[in-house]
Amino acid sequence: CDLLNWRAFSGNATGDLSRTLSAAKEGRALAEEIGDQ
């Protein structure tokens, strides 16, 4: 979850928004699953 968050951040910072979207979606779902608010 932490690494997916950083991948989403880096995609946003570099303008690779498709990478941001995929990592953020997966990270959000995983965070909700494990209770990581």
ModelCIF file with pLDDT and N, C-alpha, C, O atoms, coordinates in Angstrom:
data_MODEL
#
_entry.id   MODEL 
#
_entity.id                         1 
_entity.type                       polymer 
_entity.pdbx_number_of_molecules   1 
#
_entity_poly.entity_id                      1 
_entity_poly.type                           'polypeptide(L)' 
_entity_poly.nstd_linkage                   no 
_entity_poly.nstd_monomer                   no 
_entity_poly.pdbx_seq_one_letter_code       CDLLNWRAFSGNATGDLSRTLSAAKEGRALAEEIGDQ 
_entity_poly.pdbx_seq_one_letter_code_can   CDLLNWRAFSGNATGDLSRTLSAAKEGRALAEEIGDQ 
_entity_poly.pdbx_strand_id                 A 
#
loop_
_entity_poly_seq.entity_id 
_entity_poly_seq.num 
_entity_poly_seq.mon_id 
_entity_poly_seq.hetero 
1 1  CYS n 
1 2  ASP n 
1 3  LEU n 
1 4  LEU n 
1 5  ASN n 
1 6  TRP n 
1 7  ARG n 
1 8  ALA n 
1 9  PHE n 
1 10 SER n 
1 11 GLY n 
1 12 ASN n 
1 13 ALA n 
1 14 THR n 
1 15 GLY n 
1 16 ASP n 
1 17 LEU n 
1 18 SER n 
1 19 ARG n 
1 20 THR n 
1 21 LEU n 
1 22 SER n 
1 23 ALA n 
1 24 ALA n 
1 25 LYS n 
1 26 GLU n 
1 27 GLY n 
1 28 ARG n 
1 29 ALA n 
1 30 LEU n 
1 31 ALA n 
1 32 GLU n 
1 33 GLU n 
1 34 ILE n 
1 35 GLY n 
1 36 ASP n 
1 37 GLN n 
#
_struct_asym.id          A 
_struct_asym.entity_id   1 
#
loop_
_ma_qa_metric.id 
_ma_qa_metric.mode 
_ma_qa_metric.name 
_ma_qa_metric.software_group_id 
_ma_qa_metric.type 
1 global pLDDT . pLDDT 
2 local  pLDDT . pLDDT 
#
_ma_qa_metric_global.metric_id      1 
_ma_qa_metric_global.metric_value   94.73 
_ma_qa_metric_global.model_id       1 
_ma_qa_metric_global.ordinal_id     1 
#
loop_
_ma_qa_metric_local.label_asym_id 
_ma_qa_metric_local.label_comp_id 
_ma_qa_metric_local.label_seq_id 
_ma_qa_metric_local.metric_id 
_ma_qa_metric_local.metric_value 
_ma_qa_metric_local.model_id 
_ma_qa_metric_local.ordinal_id 
A CYS 1  2 96.00 1 1  
A ASP 2  2 96.00 1 2  
A LEU 3  2 96.00 1 3  
A LEU 4  2 96.00 1 4  
A ASN 5  2 96.00 1 5  
A TRP 6  2 95.00 1 6  
A ARG 7  2 95.00 1 7  
A ALA 8  2 95.00 1 8  
A PHE 9  2 95.00 1 9  
A SER 10 2 94.00 1 10 
A GLY 11 2 93.00 1 11 
A ASN 12 2 91.00 1 12 
A ALA 13 2 92.00 1 13 
A THR 14 2 93.00 1 14 
A GLY 15 2 90.00 1 15 
A ASP 16 2 92.00 1 16 
A LEU 17 2 92.00 1 17 
A SER 18 2 92.00 1 18 
A ARG 19 2 93.00 1 19 
A THR 20 2 94.00 1 20 
A LEU 21 2 94.00 1 21 
A SER 22 2 94.00 1 22 
A ALA 23 2 95.00 1 23 
A ALA 24 2 96.00 1 24 
A LYS 25 2 95.00 1 25 
A GLU 26 2 96.00 1 26 
A GLY 27 2 96.00 1 27 
A ARG 28 2 96.00 1 28 
A ALA 29 2 97.00 1 29 
A LEU 30 2 97.00 1 30 
A ALA 31 2 97.00 1 31 
A GLU 32 2 96.00 1 32 
A GLU 33 2 96.00 1 33 
A ILE 34 2 96.00 1 34 
A GLY 35 2 96.00 1 35 
A ASP 36 2 96.00 1 36 
A GLN 37 2 96.00 1 37 
#
loop_
_atom_site.group_PDB 
_atom_site.id 
_atom_site.type_symbol 
_atom_site.label_atom_id 
_atom_site.label_alt_id 
_atom_site.label_comp_id 
_atom_site.label_asym_id 
_atom_site.label_entity_id 
_atom_site.label_seq_id 
_atom_site.pdbx_PDB_ins_code 
_atom_site.Cartn_x 
_atom_site.Cartn_y 
_atom_site.Cartn_z 
_atom_site.occupancy 
_atom_site.B_iso_or_equiv 
_atom_site.pdbx_formal_charge 
_atom_site.auth_seq_id 
_atom_site.auth_comp_id 
_atom_site.auth_asym_id 
_atom_site.auth_atom_id 
_atom_site.pdbx_PDB_model_num 
ATOM 1   N N  . CYS A 1 1  ? 0.830   -1.203 0.000   1.00 96.00 ? 1  CYS A N  1 
ATOM 2   C CA . CYS A 1 1  ? 0.000   0.000  0.000   1.00 96.00 ? 1  CYS A CA 1 
ATOM 3   C C  . CYS A 1 1  ? 0.868   1.258  0.000   1.00 96.00 ? 1  CYS A C  1 
ATOM 4   O O  . CYS A 1 1  ? 0.584   2.209  -0.729  1.00 96.00 ? 1  CYS A O  1 
ATOM 5   N N  . ASP A 1 2  ? 1.906   1.266  0.801   1.00 96.00 ? 2  ASP A N  1 
ATOM 6   C CA . ASP A 1 2  ? 2.821   2.404  0.865   1.00 96.00 ? 2  ASP A CA 1 
ATOM 7   C C  . ASP A 1 2  ? 3.517   2.614  -0.478  1.00 96.00 ? 2  ASP A C  1 
ATOM 8   O O  . ASP A 1 2  ? 3.620   3.744  -0.956  1.00 96.00 ? 2  ASP A O  1 
ATOM 9   N N  . LEU A 1 3  ? 3.986   1.546  -1.076  1.00 96.00 ? 3  LEU A N  1 
ATOM 10  C CA . LEU A 1 3  ? 4.680   1.659  -2.364  1.00 96.00 ? 3  LEU A CA 1 
ATOM 11  C C  . LEU A 1 3  ? 3.735   2.089  -3.484  1.00 96.00 ? 3  LEU A C  1 
ATOM 12  O O  . LEU A 1 3  ? 4.133   2.848  -4.368  1.00 96.00 ? 3  LEU A O  1 
ATOM 13  N N  . LEU A 1 4  ? 2.506   1.619  -3.457  1.00 96.00 ? 4  LEU A N  1 
ATOM 14  C CA . LEU A 1 4  ? 1.533   2.059  -4.459  1.00 96.00 ? 4  LEU A CA 1 
ATOM 15  C C  . LEU A 1 4  ? 1.247   3.550  -4.307  1.00 96.00 ? 4  LEU A C  1 
ATOM 16  O O  . LEU A 1 4  ? 1.072   4.260  -5.298  1.00 96.00 ? 4  LEU A O  1 
ATOM 17  N N  . ASN A 1 5  ? 1.199   4.019  -3.061  1.00 96.00 ? 5  ASN A N  1 
ATOM 18  C CA . ASN A 1 5  ? 1.031   5.443  -2.827  1.00 96.00 ? 5  ASN A CA 1 
ATOM 19  C C  . ASN A 1 5  ? 2.193   6.227  -3.435  1.00 96.00 ? 5  ASN A C  1 
ATOM 20  O O  . ASN A 1 5  ? 1.976   7.240  -4.100  1.00 96.00 ? 5  ASN A O  1 
ATOM 21  N N  . TRP A 1 6  ? 3.417   5.768  -3.211  1.00 95.00 ? 6  TRP A N  1 
ATOM 22  C CA . TRP A 1 6  ? 4.577   6.471  -3.763  1.00 95.00 ? 6  TRP A CA 1 
ATOM 23  C C  . TRP A 1 6  ? 4.619   6.386  -5.287  1.00 95.00 ? 6  TRP A C  1 
ATOM 24  O O  . TRP A 1 6  ? 5.063   7.323  -5.952  1.00 95.00 ? 6  TRP A O  1 
ATOM 25  N N  . ARG A 1 7  ? 4.159   5.268  -5.837  1.00 95.00 ? 7  ARG A N  1 
ATOM 26  C CA . ARG A 1 7  ? 4.105   5.163  -7.305  1.00 95.00 ? 7  ARG A CA 1 
ATOM 27  C C  . ARG A 1 7  ? 3.080   6.155  -7.855  1.00 95.00 ? 7  ARG A C  1 
ATOM 28  O O  . ARG A 1 7  ? 3.319   6.796  -8.878  1.00 95.00 ? 7  ARG A O  1 
ATOM 29  N N  . ALA A 1 8  ? 1.945   6.279  -7.177  1.00 95.00 ? 8  ALA A N  1 
ATOM 30  C CA . ALA A 1 8  ? 0.927   7.240  -7.607  1.00 95.00 ? 8  ALA A CA 1 
ATOM 31  C C  . ALA A 1 8  ? 1.465   8.664  -7.515  1.00 95.00 ? 8  ALA A C  1 
ATOM 32  O O  . ALA A 1 8  ? 1.254   9.471  -8.421  1.00 95.00 ? 8  ALA A O  1 
ATOM 33  N N  . PHE A 1 9  ? 2.161   8.972  -6.420  1.00 95.00 ? 9  PHE A N  1 
ATOM 34  C CA . PHE A 1 9  ? 2.775   10.295 -6.260  1.00 95.00 ? 9  PHE A CA 1 
ATOM 35  C C  . PHE A 1 9  ? 3.774   10.568 -7.381  1.00 95.00 ? 9  PHE A C  1 
ATOM 36  O O  . PHE A 1 9  ? 3.753   11.639 -7.988  1.00 95.00 ? 9  PHE A O  1 
ATOM 37  N N  . SER A 1 10 ? 4.646   9.604  -7.653  1.00 94.00 ? 10 SER A N  1 
ATOM 38  C CA . SER A 1 10 ? 5.677   9.825  -8.668  1.00 94.00 ? 10 SER A CA 1 
ATOM 39  C C  . SER A 1 10 ? 5.063   9.966  -10.055 1.00 94.00 ? 10 SER A C  1 
ATOM 40  O O  . SER A 1 10 ? 5.551   10.750 -10.869 1.00 94.00 ? 10 SER A O  1 
ATOM 41  N N  . GLY A 1 11 ? 4.004   9.219  -10.330 1.00 93.00 ? 11 GLY A N  1 
ATOM 42  C CA . GLY A 1 11 ? 3.319   9.381  -11.608 1.00 93.00 ? 11 GLY A CA 1 
ATOM 43  C C  . GLY A 1 11 ? 2.725   10.768 -11.747 1.00 93.00 ? 11 GLY A C  1 
ATOM 44  O O  . GLY A 1 11 ? 2.782   11.377 -12.815 1.00 93.00 ? 11 GLY A O  1 
ATOM 45  N N  . ASN A 1 12 ? 2.156   11.261 -10.660 1.00 91.00 ? 12 ASN A N  1 
ATOM 46  C CA . ASN A 1 12 ? 1.593   12.606 -10.669 1.00 91.00 ? 12 ASN A CA 1 
ATOM 47  C C  . ASN A 1 12 ? 2.694   13.650 -10.841 1.00 91.00 ? 12 ASN A C  1 
ATOM 48  O O  . ASN A 1 12 ? 2.529   14.609 -11.594 1.00 91.00 ? 12 ASN A O  1 
ATOM 49  N N  . ALA A 1 13 ? 3.806   13.467 -10.150 1.00 92.00 ? 13 ALA A N  1 
ATOM 50  C CA . ALA A 1 13 ? 4.903   14.435 -10.209 1.00 92.00 ? 13 ALA A CA 1 
ATOM 51  C C  . ALA A 1 13 ? 5.571   14.474 -11.576 1.00 92.00 ? 13 ALA A C  1 
ATOM 52  O O  . ALA A 1 13 ? 6.070   15.519 -11.993 1.00 92.00 ? 13 ALA A O  1 
ATOM 53  N N  . THR A 1 14 ? 5.584   13.351 -12.273 1.00 93.00 ? 14 THR A N  1 
ATOM 54  C CA . THR A 1 14 ? 6.248   13.300 -13.576 1.00 93.00 ? 14 THR A CA 1 
ATOM 55  C C  . THR A 1 14 ? 5.280   13.456 -14.753 1.00 93.00 ? 14 THR A C  1 
ATOM 56  O O  . THR A 1 14 ? 5.701   13.483 -15.910 1.00 93.00 ? 14 THR A O  1 
ATOM 57  N N  . GLY A 1 15 ? 3.995   13.557 -14.456 1.00 90.00 ? 15 GLY A N  1 
ATOM 58  C CA . GLY A 1 15 ? 3.006   13.727 -15.520 1.00 90.00 ? 15 GLY A CA 1 
ATOM 59  C C  . GLY A 1 15 ? 2.528   12.432 -16.136 1.00 90.00 ? 15 GLY A C  1 
ATOM 60  O O  . GLY A 1 15 ? 1.821   12.458 -17.144 1.00 90.00 ? 15 GLY A O  1 
ATOM 61  N N  . ASP A 1 16 ? 2.892   11.298 -15.558 1.00 92.00 ? 16 ASP A N  1 
ATOM 62  C CA . ASP A 1 16 ? 2.431   9.997  -16.048 1.00 92.00 ? 16 ASP A CA 1 
ATOM 63  C C  . ASP A 1 16 ? 1.128   9.657  -15.325 1.00 92.00 ? 16 ASP A C  1 
ATOM 64  O O  . ASP A 1 16 ? 1.108   8.845  -14.400 1.00 92.00 ? 16 ASP A O  1 
ATOM 65  N N  . LEU A 1 17 ? 0.051   10.288 -15.761 1.00 92.00 ? 17 LEU A N  1 
ATOM 66  C CA . LEU A 1 17 ? -1.214  10.193 -15.037 1.00 92.00 ? 17 LEU A CA 1 
ATOM 67  C C  . LEU A 1 17 ? -1.873  8.822  -15.143 1.00 92.00 ? 17 LEU A C  1 
ATOM 68  O O  . LEU A 1 17 ? -2.629  8.436  -14.252 1.00 92.00 ? 17 LEU A O  1 
ATOM 69  N N  . SER A 1 18 ? -1.602  8.086  -16.206 1.00 92.00 ? 18 SER A N  1 
ATOM 70  C CA . SER A 1 18 ? -2.157  6.733  -16.284 1.00 92.00 ? 18 SER A CA 1 
ATOM 71  C C  . SER A 1 18 ? -1.547  5.851  -15.196 1.00 92.00 ? 18 SER A C  1 
ATOM 72  O O  . SER A 1 18 ? -2.237  5.008  -14.622 1.00 92.00 ? 18 SER A O  1 
ATOM 73  N N  . ARG A 1 19 ? -0.276  6.039  -14.915 1.00 93.00 ? 19 ARG A N  1 
ATOM 74  C CA . ARG A 1 19 ? 0.384   5.305  -13.826 1.00 93.00 ? 19 ARG A CA 1 
ATOM 75  C C  . ARG A 1 19 ? -0.209  5.738  -12.483 1.00 93.00 ? 19 ARG A C  1 
ATOM 76  O O  . ARG A 1 19 ? -0.453  4.911  -11.605 1.00 93.00 ? 19 ARG A O  1 
ATOM 77  N N  . THR A 1 20 ? -0.434  7.030  -12.341 1.00 94.00 ? 20 THR A N  1 
ATOM 78  C CA . THR A 1 20 ? -1.042  7.544  -11.114 1.00 94.00 ? 20 THR A CA 1 
ATOM 79  C C  . THR A 1 20 ? -2.410  6.914  -10.892 1.00 94.00 ? 20 THR A C  1 
ATOM 80  O O  . THR A 1 20 ? -2.716  6.459  -9.790  1.00 94.00 ? 20 THR A O  1 
ATOM 81  N N  . LEU A 1 21 ? -3.231  6.885  -11.935 1.00 94.00 ? 21 LEU A N  1 
ATOM 82  C CA . LEU A 1 21 ? -4.579  6.332  -11.797 1.00 94.00 ? 21 LEU A CA 1 
ATOM 83  C C  . LEU A 1 21 ? -4.554  4.867  -11.393 1.00 94.00 ? 21 LEU A C  1 
ATOM 84  O O  . LEU A 1 21 ? -5.274  4.467  -10.478 1.00 94.00 ? 21 LEU A O  1 
ATOM 85  N N  . SER A 1 22 ? -3.743  4.067  -12.057 1.00 94.00 ? 22 SER A N  1 
ATOM 86  C CA . SER A 1 22 ? -3.741  2.636  -11.750 1.00 94.00 ? 22 SER A CA 1 
ATOM 87  C C  . SER A 1 22 ? -3.194  2.363  -10.350 1.00 94.00 ? 22 SER A C  1 
ATOM 88  O O  . SER A 1 22 ? -3.742  1.535  -9.622  1.00 94.00 ? 22 SER A O  1 
ATOM 89  N N  . ALA A 1 23 ? -2.119  3.051  -9.971  1.00 95.00 ? 23 ALA A N  1 
ATOM 90  C CA . ALA A 1 23 ? -1.544  2.829  -8.646  1.00 95.00 ? 23 ALA A CA 1 
ATOM 91  C C  . ALA A 1 23 ? -2.465  3.345  -7.548  1.00 95.00 ? 23 ALA A C  1 
ATOM 92  O O  . ALA A 1 23 ? -2.619  2.694  -6.514  1.00 95.00 ? 23 ALA A O  1 
ATOM 93  N N  . ALA A 1 24 ? -3.073  4.498  -7.759  1.00 96.00 ? 24 ALA A N  1 
ATOM 94  C CA . ALA A 1 24 ? -3.954  5.073  -6.741  1.00 96.00 ? 24 ALA A CA 1 
ATOM 95  C C  . ALA A 1 24 ? -5.212  4.232  -6.554  1.00 96.00 ? 24 ALA A C  1 
ATOM 96  O O  . ALA A 1 24 ? -5.678  4.055  -5.428  1.00 96.00 ? 24 ALA A O  1 
ATOM 97  N N  . LYS A 1 25 ? -5.761  3.716  -7.645  1.00 95.00 ? 25 LYS A N  1 
ATOM 98  C CA . LYS A 1 25 ? -6.948  2.852  -7.519  1.00 95.00 ? 25 LYS A CA 1 
ATOM 99  C C  . LYS A 1 25 ? -6.624  1.586  -6.737  1.00 95.00 ? 25 LYS A C  1 
ATOM 100 O O  . LYS A 1 25 ? -7.357  1.205  -5.825  1.00 95.00 ? 25 LYS A O  1 
ATOM 101 N N  . GLU A 1 26 ? -5.537  0.949  -7.096  1.00 96.00 ? 26 GLU A N  1 
ATOM 102 C CA . GLU A 1 26 ? -5.148  -0.280 -6.393  1.00 96.00 ? 26 GLU A CA 1 
ATOM 103 C C  . GLU A 1 26 ? -4.794  0.015  -4.941  1.00 96.00 ? 26 GLU A C  1 
ATOM 104 O O  . GLU A 1 26 ? -5.193  -0.724 -4.040  1.00 96.00 ? 26 GLU A O  1 
ATOM 105 N N  . GLY A 1 27 ? -4.052  1.088  -4.712  1.00 96.00 ? 27 GLY A N  1 
ATOM 106 C CA . GLY A 1 27 ? -3.664  1.457  -3.359  1.00 96.00 ? 27 GLY A CA 1 
ATOM 107 C C  . GLY A 1 27 ? -4.854  1.803  -2.487  1.00 96.00 ? 27 GLY A C  1 
ATOM 108 O O  . GLY A 1 27 ? -4.908  1.420  -1.318  1.00 96.00 ? 27 GLY A O  1 
ATOM 109 N N  . ARG A 1 28 ? -5.812  2.527  -3.054  1.00 96.00 ? 28 ARG A N  1 
ATOM 110 C CA . ARG A 1 28 ? -7.022  2.881  -2.300  1.00 96.00 ? 28 ARG A CA 1 
ATOM 111 C C  . ARG A 1 28 ? -7.800  1.636  -1.903  1.00 96.00 ? 28 ARG A C  1 
ATOM 112 O O  . ARG A 1 28 ? -8.226  1.505  -0.756  1.00 96.00 ? 28 ARG A O  1 
ATOM 113 N N  . ALA A 1 29 ? -7.984  0.729  -2.844  1.00 97.00 ? 29 ALA A N  1 
ATOM 114 C CA . ALA A 1 29 ? -8.717  -0.504 -2.546  1.00 97.00 ? 29 ALA A CA 1 
ATOM 115 C C  . ALA A 1 29 ? -8.005  -1.329 -1.480  1.00 97.00 ? 29 ALA A C  1 
ATOM 116 O O  . ALA A 1 29 ? -8.640  -1.855 -0.566  1.00 97.00 ? 29 ALA A O  1 
ATOM 117 N N  . LEU A 1 30 ? -6.699  -1.439 -1.599  1.00 97.00 ? 30 LEU A N  1 
ATOM 118 C CA . LEU A 1 30 ? -5.928  -2.203 -0.616  1.00 97.00 ? 30 LEU A CA 1 
ATOM 119 C C  . LEU A 1 30 ? -5.970  -1.532 0.751   1.00 97.00 ? 30 LEU A C  1 
ATOM 120 O O  . LEU A 1 30 ? -6.105  -2.208 1.771   1.00 97.00 ? 30 LEU A O  1 
ATOM 121 N N  . ALA A 1 31 ? -5.855  -0.213 0.777   1.00 97.00 ? 31 ALA A N  1 
ATOM 122 C CA . ALA A 1 31 ? -5.904  0.518  2.047   1.00 97.00 ? 31 ALA A CA 1 
ATOM 123 C C  . ALA A 1 31 ? -7.244  0.309  2.745   1.00 97.00 ? 31 ALA A C  1 
ATOM 124 O O  . ALA A 1 31 ? -7.294  0.111  3.959   1.00 97.00 ? 31 ALA A O  1 
ATOM 125 N N  . GLU A 1 32 ? -8.324  0.355  1.975   1.00 96.00 ? 32 GLU A N  1 
ATOM 126 C CA . GLU A 1 32 ? -9.644  0.113  2.562   1.00 96.00 ? 32 GLU A CA 1 
ATOM 127 C C  . GLU A 1 32 ? -9.757  -1.306 3.087   1.00 96.00 ? 32 GLU A C  1 
ATOM 128 O O  . GLU A 1 32 ? -10.356 -1.542 4.136   1.00 96.00 ? 32 GLU A O  1 
ATOM 129 N N  . GLU A 1 33 ? -9.180  -2.248 2.358   1.00 96.00 ? 33 GLU A N  1 
ATOM 130 C CA . GLU A 1 33 ? -9.234  -3.661 2.748   1.00 96.00 ? 33 GLU A CA 1 
ATOM 131 C C  . GLU A 1 33 ? -8.500  -3.916 4.064   1.00 96.00 ? 33 GLU A C  1 
ATOM 132 O O  . GLU A 1 33 ? -8.968  -4.700 4.889   1.00 96.00 ? 33 GLU A O  1 
ATOM 133 N N  . ILE A 1 34 ? -7.362  -3.264 4.266   1.00 96.00 ? 34 ILE A N  1 
ATOM 134 C CA . ILE A 1 34 ? -6.573  -3.525 5.479   1.00 96.00 ? 34 ILE A CA 1 
ATOM 135 C C  . ILE A 1 34 ? -6.835  -2.493 6.578   1.00 96.00 ? 34 ILE A C  1 
ATOM 136 O O  . ILE A 1 34 ? -6.254  -2.577 7.660   1.00 96.00 ? 34 ILE A O  1 
ATOM 137 N N  . GLY A 1 35 ? -7.705  -1.525 6.305   1.00 96.00 ? 35 GLY A N  1 
ATOM 138 C CA . GLY A 1 35 ? -8.052  -0.532 7.311   1.00 96.00 ? 35 GLY A CA 1 
ATOM 139 C C  . GLY A 1 35 ? -7.021  0.565  7.502   1.00 96.00 ? 35 GLY A C  1 
ATOM 140 O O  . GLY A 1 35 ? -6.935  1.151  8.581   1.00 96.00 ? 35 GLY A O  1 
ATOM 141 N N  . ASP A 1 36 ? -6.243  0.850  6.478   1.00 96.00 ? 36 ASP A N  1 
ATOM 142 C CA . ASP A 1 36 ? -5.203  1.878  6.536   1.00 96.00 ? 36 ASP A CA 1 
ATOM 143 C C  . ASP A 1 36 ? -5.779  3.202  6.030   1.00 96.00 ? 36 ASP A C  1 
ATOM 144 O O  . ASP A 1 36 ? -5.745  3.489  4.833   1.00 96.00 ? 36 ASP A O  1 
ATOM 145 N N  . GLN A 1 37 ? -6.302  3.994  6.946   1.00 96.00 ? 37 GLN A N  1 
ATOM 146 C CA . GLN A 1 37 ? -6.965  5.236  6.562   1.00 96.00 ? 37 GLN A CA 1 
ATOM 147 C C  . GLN A 1 37 ? -5.981  6.269  6.012   1.00 96.00 ? 37 GLN A C  1 
ATOM 148 O O  . GLN A 1 37 ? -6.385  7.372  5.643   1.00 96.00 ? 37 GLN A O  1 
#
